[in-house]
Amino acid sequence: MENYTIEEKDSFTVLGIGTELKSDYTDYAGINKEKADFWSAVKQDGRLDTLKAVAANDYIFAVNEAVNNKMMHYAGVMTEASLPEATRLIQFPKGEYLVVKGEGETADELNNTLAGIAFGQVLAEVKNYAYVGAPNTSVVMGQRNGLVFGEMWIPVVRK
């Protein structure tokens, strides 16, 4: 059963508020806790609502990006606007993306599940494509039947 597609996407920009992840990249429990703590903070202090207010759509992006040898994680929205609170405009290139769809009880569960499937299974199965380390994102697209649904978007190149 294929749980992914390869889709062509236009370039897009996500305005993000970020944090540096300090856990080792192999410490999934540590990374997930840092991400959960970060999301809790941006929801509680109003920064996520500030981002949502300038968003071009209802999607909420959880972006992972390596910047200057640091593992960064951002809460973001697609927008042309800028905000003083924002820490980065994240450019996603036009091209092919590995897209993994899923759902979860919460946005955190969805993001962790999608990342686990995408990086733990699908990238190993996809023989004609490679991930070259550009920013990747999970996208919370909405809710249905009591679950949060969305997709993971990983830019890939043909091998």
N, C-alpha and C. Protein backbone atom coordinates (compact mmCIF):
# COMPACT_ATOMS: atom_id res chain seq x y z
N MET A 1 0.84 -1.19 0.00
CA MET A 1 0.00 0.00 0.00
C MET A 1 0.88 1.25 0.00
N GLU A 2 0.65 2.11 -0.96
CA GLU A 2 1.43 3.34 -1.01
C GLU A 2 0.74 4.41 -0.17
N ASN A 3 1.49 4.96 0.78
CA ASN A 3 0.93 5.97 1.66
C ASN A 3 1.52 7.34 1.35
N TYR A 4 1.93 7.54 0.09
CA TYR A 4 2.53 8.81 -0.30
C TYR A 4 2.27 9.07 -1.78
N THR A 5 2.48 10.33 -2.18
CA THR A 5 2.45 10.70 -3.59
C THR A 5 3.64 11.63 -3.83
N ILE A 6 4.00 11.79 -5.08
CA ILE A 6 4.97 12.80 -5.49
C ILE A 6 4.17 13.86 -6.24
N GLU A 7 4.25 15.10 -5.77
CA GLU A 7 3.46 16.18 -6.36
C GLU A 7 4.37 17.34 -6.74
N GLU A 8 4.02 18.01 -7.83
CA GLU A 8 4.70 19.22 -8.25
C GLU A 8 4.07 20.39 -7.49
N LYS A 9 4.90 21.21 -6.86
CA LYS A 9 4.39 22.39 -6.15
C LYS A 9 5.12 23.63 -6.65
N ASP A 10 4.38 24.73 -6.70
CA ASP A 10 5.00 26.02 -6.97
C ASP A 10 5.80 26.43 -5.74
N SER A 11 6.74 27.34 -5.92
CA SER A 11 7.48 27.83 -4.76
C SER A 11 6.50 28.58 -3.85
N PHE A 12 6.79 28.54 -2.57
CA PHE A 12 5.95 29.25 -1.61
C PHE A 12 6.81 29.67 -0.43
N THR A 13 6.29 30.62 0.32
CA THR A 13 7.01 31.16 1.46
C THR A 13 6.16 31.00 2.70
N VAL A 14 6.80 30.58 3.78
CA VAL A 14 6.15 30.46 5.08
C VAL A 14 6.82 31.45 6.02
N LEU A 15 6.00 32.27 6.67
CA LEU A 15 6.48 33.19 7.70
C LEU A 15 6.47 32.43 9.01
N GLY A 16 7.63 32.33 9.65
CA GLY A 16 7.72 31.48 10.82
C GLY A 16 8.29 32.15 12.06
N ILE A 17 7.85 31.62 13.19
CA ILE A 17 8.42 31.95 14.49
C ILE A 17 9.11 30.68 14.95
N GLY A 18 10.41 30.76 15.25
CA GLY A 18 11.16 29.53 15.44
C GLY A 18 11.89 29.39 16.75
N THR A 19 12.42 28.17 16.88
CA THR A 19 13.25 27.83 18.03
C THR A 19 14.34 26.88 17.56
N GLU A 20 15.48 26.94 18.20
CA GLU A 20 16.54 25.98 17.90
C GLU A 20 16.31 24.73 18.73
N LEU A 21 16.35 23.56 18.07
CA LEU A 21 16.23 22.29 18.77
C LEU A 21 17.62 21.87 19.22
N LYS A 22 17.78 21.64 20.52
CA LYS A 22 19.10 21.35 21.09
C LYS A 22 19.39 19.85 21.19
N SER A 23 18.34 19.01 21.12
CA SER A 23 18.54 17.57 21.25
C SER A 23 19.34 17.04 20.07
N ASP A 24 20.05 15.95 20.26
CA ASP A 24 20.74 15.29 19.16
C ASP A 24 19.71 14.85 18.13
N TYR A 25 20.07 14.92 16.85
CA TYR A 25 19.10 14.60 15.80
C TYR A 25 18.60 13.16 15.85
N THR A 26 19.27 12.28 16.60
CA THR A 26 18.79 10.90 16.74
C THR A 26 17.92 10.71 18.00
N ASP A 27 17.81 11.76 18.81
CA ASP A 27 17.03 11.70 20.06
C ASP A 27 15.59 12.13 19.77
N TYR A 28 14.80 11.21 19.22
CA TYR A 28 13.44 11.54 18.80
C TYR A 28 12.57 11.98 19.97
N ALA A 29 12.71 11.33 21.12
CA ALA A 29 11.91 11.71 22.29
C ALA A 29 12.26 13.14 22.72
N GLY A 30 13.54 13.46 22.74
CA GLY A 30 13.97 14.80 23.12
C GLY A 30 13.48 15.85 22.13
N ILE A 31 13.62 15.56 20.84
CA ILE A 31 13.17 16.49 19.80
C ILE A 31 11.66 16.70 19.90
N ASN A 32 10.91 15.60 20.05
CA ASN A 32 9.45 15.72 20.13
C ASN A 32 9.02 16.52 21.35
N LYS A 33 9.73 16.36 22.49
CA LYS A 33 9.39 17.14 23.68
C LYS A 33 9.69 18.61 23.45
N GLU A 34 10.84 18.92 22.83
CA GLU A 34 11.17 20.32 22.55
C GLU A 34 10.12 20.94 21.64
N LYS A 35 9.71 20.20 20.61
CA LYS A 35 8.70 20.72 19.69
C LYS A 35 7.38 20.94 20.42
N ALA A 36 6.95 19.98 21.24
CA ALA A 36 5.68 20.11 21.97
C ALA A 36 5.73 21.31 22.92
N ASP A 37 6.85 21.50 23.62
CA ASP A 37 7.00 22.64 24.54
C ASP A 37 6.93 23.95 23.76
N PHE A 38 7.58 23.99 22.60
CA PHE A 38 7.57 25.19 21.76
C PHE A 38 6.15 25.51 21.30
N TRP A 39 5.43 24.51 20.79
CA TRP A 39 4.06 24.74 20.32
C TRP A 39 3.16 25.19 21.46
N SER A 40 3.32 24.61 22.63
CA SER A 40 2.54 25.02 23.78
C SER A 40 2.79 26.49 24.09
N ALA A 41 4.05 26.91 24.04
CA ALA A 41 4.42 28.30 24.33
C ALA A 41 3.83 29.27 23.30
N VAL A 42 3.94 28.96 22.00
CA VAL A 42 3.44 29.91 20.99
C VAL A 42 1.92 29.98 20.98
N LYS A 43 1.26 28.91 21.44
CA LYS A 43 -0.20 28.97 21.57
C LYS A 43 -0.58 29.82 22.77
N GLN A 44 0.10 29.60 23.90
CA GLN A 44 -0.25 30.30 25.15
C GLN A 44 0.07 31.79 25.10
N ASP A 45 1.20 32.16 24.49
CA ASP A 45 1.59 33.58 24.53
C ASP A 45 1.01 34.40 23.37
N GLY A 46 0.20 33.77 22.51
CA GLY A 46 -0.48 34.52 21.47
C GLY A 46 0.27 34.65 20.15
N ARG A 47 1.52 34.17 20.10
CA ARG A 47 2.28 34.31 18.85
C ARG A 47 1.64 33.54 17.70
N LEU A 48 1.07 32.35 17.98
CA LEU A 48 0.42 31.59 16.91
C LEU A 48 -0.80 32.33 16.39
N ASP A 49 -1.59 32.93 17.27
CA ASP A 49 -2.75 33.71 16.84
C ASP A 49 -2.32 34.91 16.00
N THR A 50 -1.20 35.53 16.35
CA THR A 50 -0.67 36.66 15.58
C THR A 50 -0.33 36.20 14.16
N LEU A 51 0.30 35.03 14.04
CA LEU A 51 0.59 34.48 12.71
C LEU A 51 -0.69 34.18 11.94
N LYS A 52 -1.64 33.53 12.60
CA LYS A 52 -2.89 33.17 11.94
C LYS A 52 -3.61 34.40 11.38
N ALA A 53 -3.49 35.53 12.06
CA ALA A 53 -4.18 36.75 11.66
C ALA A 53 -3.69 37.28 10.30
N VAL A 54 -2.47 36.93 9.90
CA VAL A 54 -1.94 37.41 8.61
C VAL A 54 -1.85 36.29 7.57
N ALA A 55 -2.41 35.12 7.89
CA ALA A 55 -2.28 33.96 7.01
C ALA A 55 -3.15 34.10 5.76
N ALA A 56 -2.64 33.56 4.65
CA ALA A 56 -3.37 33.55 3.38
C ALA A 56 -4.40 32.43 3.33
N ASN A 57 -4.27 31.44 4.22
CA ASN A 57 -5.22 30.32 4.27
C ASN A 57 -5.25 29.79 5.70
N ASP A 58 -5.97 28.70 5.92
CA ASP A 58 -6.12 28.17 7.28
C ASP A 58 -5.03 27.17 7.67
N TYR A 59 -4.06 26.94 6.81
CA TYR A 59 -3.03 25.95 7.09
C TYR A 59 -2.04 26.47 8.13
N ILE A 60 -1.66 25.57 9.04
CA ILE A 60 -0.62 25.86 10.03
C ILE A 60 0.57 24.96 9.70
N PHE A 61 1.74 25.55 9.52
CA PHE A 61 2.94 24.83 9.12
C PHE A 61 3.85 24.60 10.31
N ALA A 62 4.35 23.37 10.43
CA ALA A 62 5.41 23.04 11.39
C ALA A 62 6.63 22.72 10.53
N VAL A 63 7.56 23.66 10.47
CA VAL A 63 8.68 23.58 9.53
C VAL A 63 9.96 23.17 10.26
N ASN A 64 10.70 22.26 9.63
CA ASN A 64 12.02 21.85 10.11
C ASN A 64 13.04 22.31 9.08
N GLU A 65 14.11 22.94 9.56
CA GLU A 65 15.12 23.44 8.63
C GLU A 65 16.47 23.51 9.34
N ALA A 66 17.51 23.14 8.62
CA ALA A 66 18.86 23.31 9.12
C ALA A 66 19.34 24.70 8.69
N VAL A 67 19.74 25.52 9.66
CA VAL A 67 20.22 26.88 9.39
C VAL A 67 21.54 27.05 10.12
N ASN A 68 22.61 27.32 9.37
CA ASN A 68 23.93 27.52 9.99
C ASN A 68 24.28 26.39 10.95
N ASN A 69 24.09 25.16 10.50
CA ASN A 69 24.39 23.96 11.28
C ASN A 69 23.57 23.84 12.56
N LYS A 70 22.43 24.49 12.61
CA LYS A 70 21.51 24.37 13.75
C LYS A 70 20.22 23.76 13.25
N MET A 71 19.61 22.91 14.09
CA MET A 71 18.34 22.30 13.75
C MET A 71 17.25 23.26 14.24
N MET A 72 16.53 23.87 13.30
CA MET A 72 15.50 24.85 13.65
C MET A 72 14.11 24.26 13.42
N HIS A 73 13.16 24.72 14.23
CA HIS A 73 11.76 24.30 14.10
C HIS A 73 10.91 25.56 14.19
N TYR A 74 9.94 25.70 13.28
CA TYR A 74 9.13 26.90 13.19
C TYR A 74 7.64 26.58 13.20
N ALA A 75 6.88 27.47 13.81
CA ALA A 75 5.43 27.54 13.61
C ALA A 75 5.25 28.60 12.54
N GLY A 76 4.46 28.29 11.51
CA GLY A 76 4.35 29.26 10.44
C GLY A 76 3.04 29.22 9.70
N VAL A 77 2.87 30.25 8.85
CA VAL A 77 1.71 30.36 7.97
C VAL A 77 2.18 30.84 6.61
N MET A 78 1.37 30.53 5.59
CA MET A 78 1.64 31.03 4.26
C MET A 78 1.08 32.45 4.18
N THR A 79 1.95 33.41 3.85
CA THR A 79 1.51 34.81 3.81
C THR A 79 2.52 35.64 3.04
N GLU A 80 2.06 36.78 2.59
CA GLU A 80 2.96 37.78 1.98
C GLU A 80 3.33 38.84 3.02
N ALA A 81 2.67 38.81 4.17
CA ALA A 81 2.89 39.82 5.20
C ALA A 81 4.17 39.54 5.98
N SER A 82 4.58 40.51 6.76
CA SER A 82 5.69 40.29 7.69
C SER A 82 5.25 40.76 9.07
N LEU A 83 5.90 40.24 10.07
CA LEU A 83 5.58 40.57 11.46
C LEU A 83 6.87 40.77 12.23
N PRO A 84 6.87 41.70 13.19
CA PRO A 84 8.09 41.87 14.00
C PRO A 84 8.43 40.63 14.83
N GLU A 85 7.39 39.84 15.23
CA GLU A 85 7.63 38.64 16.04
C GLU A 85 8.26 37.51 15.23
N ALA A 86 8.09 37.55 13.92
CA ALA A 86 8.56 36.45 13.08
C ALA A 86 10.09 36.40 13.07
N THR A 87 10.62 35.18 13.04
CA THR A 87 12.07 35.02 13.05
C THR A 87 12.63 34.65 11.68
N ARG A 88 11.77 34.22 10.74
CA ARG A 88 12.31 33.80 9.46
C ARG A 88 11.22 33.72 8.39
N LEU A 89 11.59 34.13 7.18
CA LEU A 89 10.80 33.84 5.99
C LEU A 89 11.43 32.59 5.38
N ILE A 90 10.68 31.52 5.32
CA ILE A 90 11.23 30.24 4.87
C ILE A 90 10.79 30.00 3.44
N GLN A 91 11.76 29.91 2.55
CA GLN A 91 11.48 29.73 1.12
C GLN A 91 11.45 28.25 0.79
N PHE A 92 10.36 27.82 0.19
CA PHE A 92 10.25 26.44 -0.30
C PHE A 92 10.36 26.51 -1.82
N PRO A 93 11.23 25.70 -2.41
CA PRO A 93 11.47 25.80 -3.84
C PRO A 93 10.33 25.19 -4.67
N LYS A 94 10.19 25.69 -5.90
CA LYS A 94 9.30 25.05 -6.86
C LYS A 94 9.93 23.70 -7.19
N GLY A 95 9.10 22.67 -7.33
CA GLY A 95 9.65 21.37 -7.68
C GLY A 95 8.78 20.25 -7.17
N GLU A 96 9.39 19.07 -7.12
CA GLU A 96 8.65 17.89 -6.71
C GLU A 96 8.77 17.70 -5.20
N TYR A 97 7.65 17.30 -4.61
CA TYR A 97 7.58 17.08 -3.17
C TYR A 97 7.01 15.70 -2.89
N LEU A 98 7.62 15.04 -1.92
CA LEU A 98 7.04 13.82 -1.38
C LEU A 98 5.94 14.29 -0.43
N VAL A 99 4.73 13.78 -0.63
CA VAL A 99 3.58 14.18 0.18
C VAL A 99 3.04 12.94 0.89
N VAL A 100 2.99 13.01 2.22
CA VAL A 100 2.45 11.93 3.04
C VAL A 100 1.23 12.50 3.77
N LYS A 101 0.09 11.83 3.63
CA LYS A 101 -1.15 12.30 4.26
C LYS A 101 -1.40 11.51 5.55
N GLY A 102 -2.06 12.16 6.51
CA GLY A 102 -2.37 11.46 7.74
C GLY A 102 -3.34 12.22 8.61
N GLU A 103 -3.61 11.65 9.78
CA GLU A 103 -4.46 12.31 10.75
C GLU A 103 -4.05 11.88 12.15
N GLY A 104 -4.46 12.68 13.14
CA GLY A 104 -4.13 12.38 14.52
C GLY A 104 -5.11 13.04 15.46
N GLU A 105 -5.01 12.67 16.73
CA GLU A 105 -5.89 13.25 17.75
C GLU A 105 -5.60 14.74 17.95
N THR A 106 -4.32 15.11 17.85
CA THR A 106 -3.89 16.50 18.04
C THR A 106 -2.93 16.87 16.91
N ALA A 107 -2.64 18.16 16.80
CA ALA A 107 -1.67 18.62 15.81
C ALA A 107 -0.30 18.02 16.09
N ASP A 108 0.10 17.96 17.37
CA ASP A 108 1.39 17.37 17.73
C ASP A 108 1.47 15.91 17.30
N GLU A 109 0.39 15.15 17.58
CA GLU A 109 0.38 13.74 17.20
C GLU A 109 0.45 13.60 15.68
N LEU A 110 -0.31 14.43 14.97
CA LEU A 110 -0.27 14.40 13.51
C LEU A 110 1.14 14.67 13.00
N ASN A 111 1.77 15.74 13.48
CA ASN A 111 3.11 16.10 13.02
C ASN A 111 4.12 14.99 13.30
N ASN A 112 4.07 14.41 14.49
CA ASN A 112 5.00 13.33 14.84
C ASN A 112 4.75 12.08 14.00
N THR A 113 3.48 11.75 13.78
CA THR A 113 3.13 10.58 12.98
C THR A 113 3.61 10.76 11.54
N LEU A 114 3.32 11.93 10.96
CA LEU A 114 3.73 12.18 9.57
C LEU A 114 5.25 12.13 9.43
N ALA A 115 5.97 12.74 10.36
CA ALA A 115 7.44 12.73 10.29
C ALA A 115 7.97 11.30 10.41
N GLY A 116 7.38 10.53 11.32
CA GLY A 116 7.81 9.13 11.49
C GLY A 116 7.60 8.31 10.23
N ILE A 117 6.43 8.46 9.60
CA ILE A 117 6.14 7.71 8.37
C ILE A 117 7.05 8.18 7.25
N ALA A 118 7.16 9.50 7.08
CA ALA A 118 7.94 10.05 5.96
C ALA A 118 9.42 9.70 6.07
N PHE A 119 10.01 9.97 7.23
CA PHE A 119 11.45 9.76 7.38
C PHE A 119 11.79 8.33 7.77
N GLY A 120 10.88 7.65 8.47
CA GLY A 120 11.15 6.30 8.92
C GLY A 120 10.85 5.22 7.90
N GLN A 121 9.92 5.49 6.97
CA GLN A 121 9.52 4.46 6.01
C GLN A 121 9.62 4.92 4.57
N VAL A 122 8.88 5.99 4.24
CA VAL A 122 8.67 6.33 2.84
C VAL A 122 9.97 6.72 2.12
N LEU A 123 10.79 7.57 2.74
CA LEU A 123 12.02 7.98 2.05
C LEU A 123 12.92 6.78 1.75
N ALA A 124 12.87 5.76 2.59
CA ALA A 124 13.65 4.55 2.33
C ALA A 124 13.06 3.73 1.17
N GLU A 125 11.73 3.81 1.00
CA GLU A 125 11.05 3.05 -0.06
C GLU A 125 11.15 3.71 -1.43
N VAL A 126 11.22 5.02 -1.45
CA VAL A 126 11.18 5.77 -2.71
C VAL A 126 12.57 5.69 -3.35
N LYS A 127 12.68 4.87 -4.39
CA LYS A 127 14.00 4.61 -4.98
C LYS A 127 14.43 5.66 -5.99
N ASN A 128 13.48 6.34 -6.65
CA ASN A 128 13.82 7.27 -7.73
C ASN A 128 14.05 8.70 -7.25
N TYR A 129 13.84 8.94 -5.95
CA TYR A 129 13.92 10.30 -5.43
C TYR A 129 14.81 10.34 -4.19
N ALA A 130 15.37 11.53 -3.95
CA ALA A 130 16.20 11.73 -2.77
C ALA A 130 15.83 13.06 -2.12
N TYR A 131 15.87 13.08 -0.81
CA TYR A 131 15.68 14.31 -0.03
C TYR A 131 17.06 14.94 0.10
N VAL A 132 17.16 16.22 -0.25
CA VAL A 132 18.47 16.87 -0.24
C VAL A 132 18.64 17.90 0.88
N GLY A 133 17.74 17.87 1.86
CA GLY A 133 17.96 18.67 3.05
C GLY A 133 17.35 20.06 3.06
N ALA A 134 16.56 20.41 2.07
CA ALA A 134 15.87 21.70 2.10
C ALA A 134 14.83 21.67 3.23
N PRO A 135 14.22 22.82 3.55
CA PRO A 135 13.22 22.77 4.61
C PRO A 135 12.09 21.79 4.27
N ASN A 136 11.56 21.15 5.29
CA ASN A 136 10.41 20.28 5.11
C ASN A 136 9.36 20.73 6.11
N THR A 137 8.11 20.35 5.86
CA THR A 137 7.05 20.84 6.73
C THR A 137 5.91 19.85 6.85
N SER A 138 5.32 19.81 8.01
CA SER A 138 4.02 19.16 8.12
C SER A 138 3.00 20.29 8.18
N VAL A 139 1.85 20.04 7.57
CA VAL A 139 0.84 21.07 7.38
C VAL A 139 -0.46 20.58 8.01
N VAL A 140 -0.93 21.28 9.02
CA VAL A 140 -2.23 20.99 9.59
C VAL A 140 -3.26 21.70 8.72
N MET A 141 -4.14 20.91 8.11
CA MET A 141 -5.07 21.46 7.12
C MET A 141 -6.49 21.62 7.64
N GLY A 142 -6.80 20.98 8.75
CA GLY A 142 -8.15 21.13 9.30
C GLY A 142 -8.51 19.99 10.23
N GLN A 143 -9.81 19.91 10.53
CA GLN A 143 -10.32 18.85 11.40
C GLN A 143 -11.53 18.22 10.75
N ARG A 144 -11.67 16.90 10.95
CA ARG A 144 -12.88 16.19 10.53
C ARG A 144 -13.03 14.95 11.40
N ASN A 145 -14.27 14.65 11.71
CA ASN A 145 -14.59 13.49 12.54
C ASN A 145 -13.78 13.46 13.84
N GLY A 146 -13.55 14.63 14.42
CA GLY A 146 -12.83 14.71 15.68
C GLY A 146 -11.33 14.54 15.59
N LEU A 147 -10.79 14.43 14.37
CA LEU A 147 -9.35 14.26 14.18
C LEU A 147 -8.76 15.44 13.41
N VAL A 148 -7.50 15.72 13.68
CA VAL A 148 -6.75 16.72 12.93
C VAL A 148 -6.16 16.01 11.72
N PHE A 149 -6.30 16.62 10.51
CA PHE A 149 -5.71 15.99 9.33
C PHE A 149 -4.75 16.95 8.65
N GLY A 150 -3.82 16.36 7.90
CA GLY A 150 -2.85 17.18 7.19
C GLY A 150 -1.88 16.34 6.39
N GLU A 151 -0.79 17.00 5.99
CA GLU A 151 0.20 16.37 5.11
C GLU A 151 1.61 16.79 5.51
N MET A 152 2.57 15.95 5.17
CA MET A 152 3.99 16.28 5.29
C MET A 152 4.47 16.55 3.88
N TRP A 153 5.17 17.66 3.67
CA TRP A 153 5.72 18.04 2.37
C TRP A 153 7.24 18.06 2.47
N ILE A 154 7.89 17.19 1.70
CA ILE A 154 9.35 17.11 1.71
C ILE A 154 9.85 17.31 0.28
N PRO A 155 10.62 18.38 0.02
CA PRO A 155 11.13 18.57 -1.34
C PRO A 155 12.12 17.47 -1.69
N VAL A 156 11.96 16.91 -2.89
CA VAL A 156 12.83 15.81 -3.34
C VAL A 156 13.34 16.10 -4.74
N VAL A 157 14.42 15.44 -5.10
CA VAL A 157 14.96 15.51 -6.47
C VAL A 157 15.03 14.09 -7.03
N ARG A 158 14.91 13.99 -8.33
CA ARG A 158 15.04 12.68 -8.98
C ARG A 158 16.48 12.23 -8.94
N LYS A 159 16.67 10.94 -8.66
CA LYS A 159 18.03 10.38 -8.60
C LYS A 159 18.53 10.11 -10.01
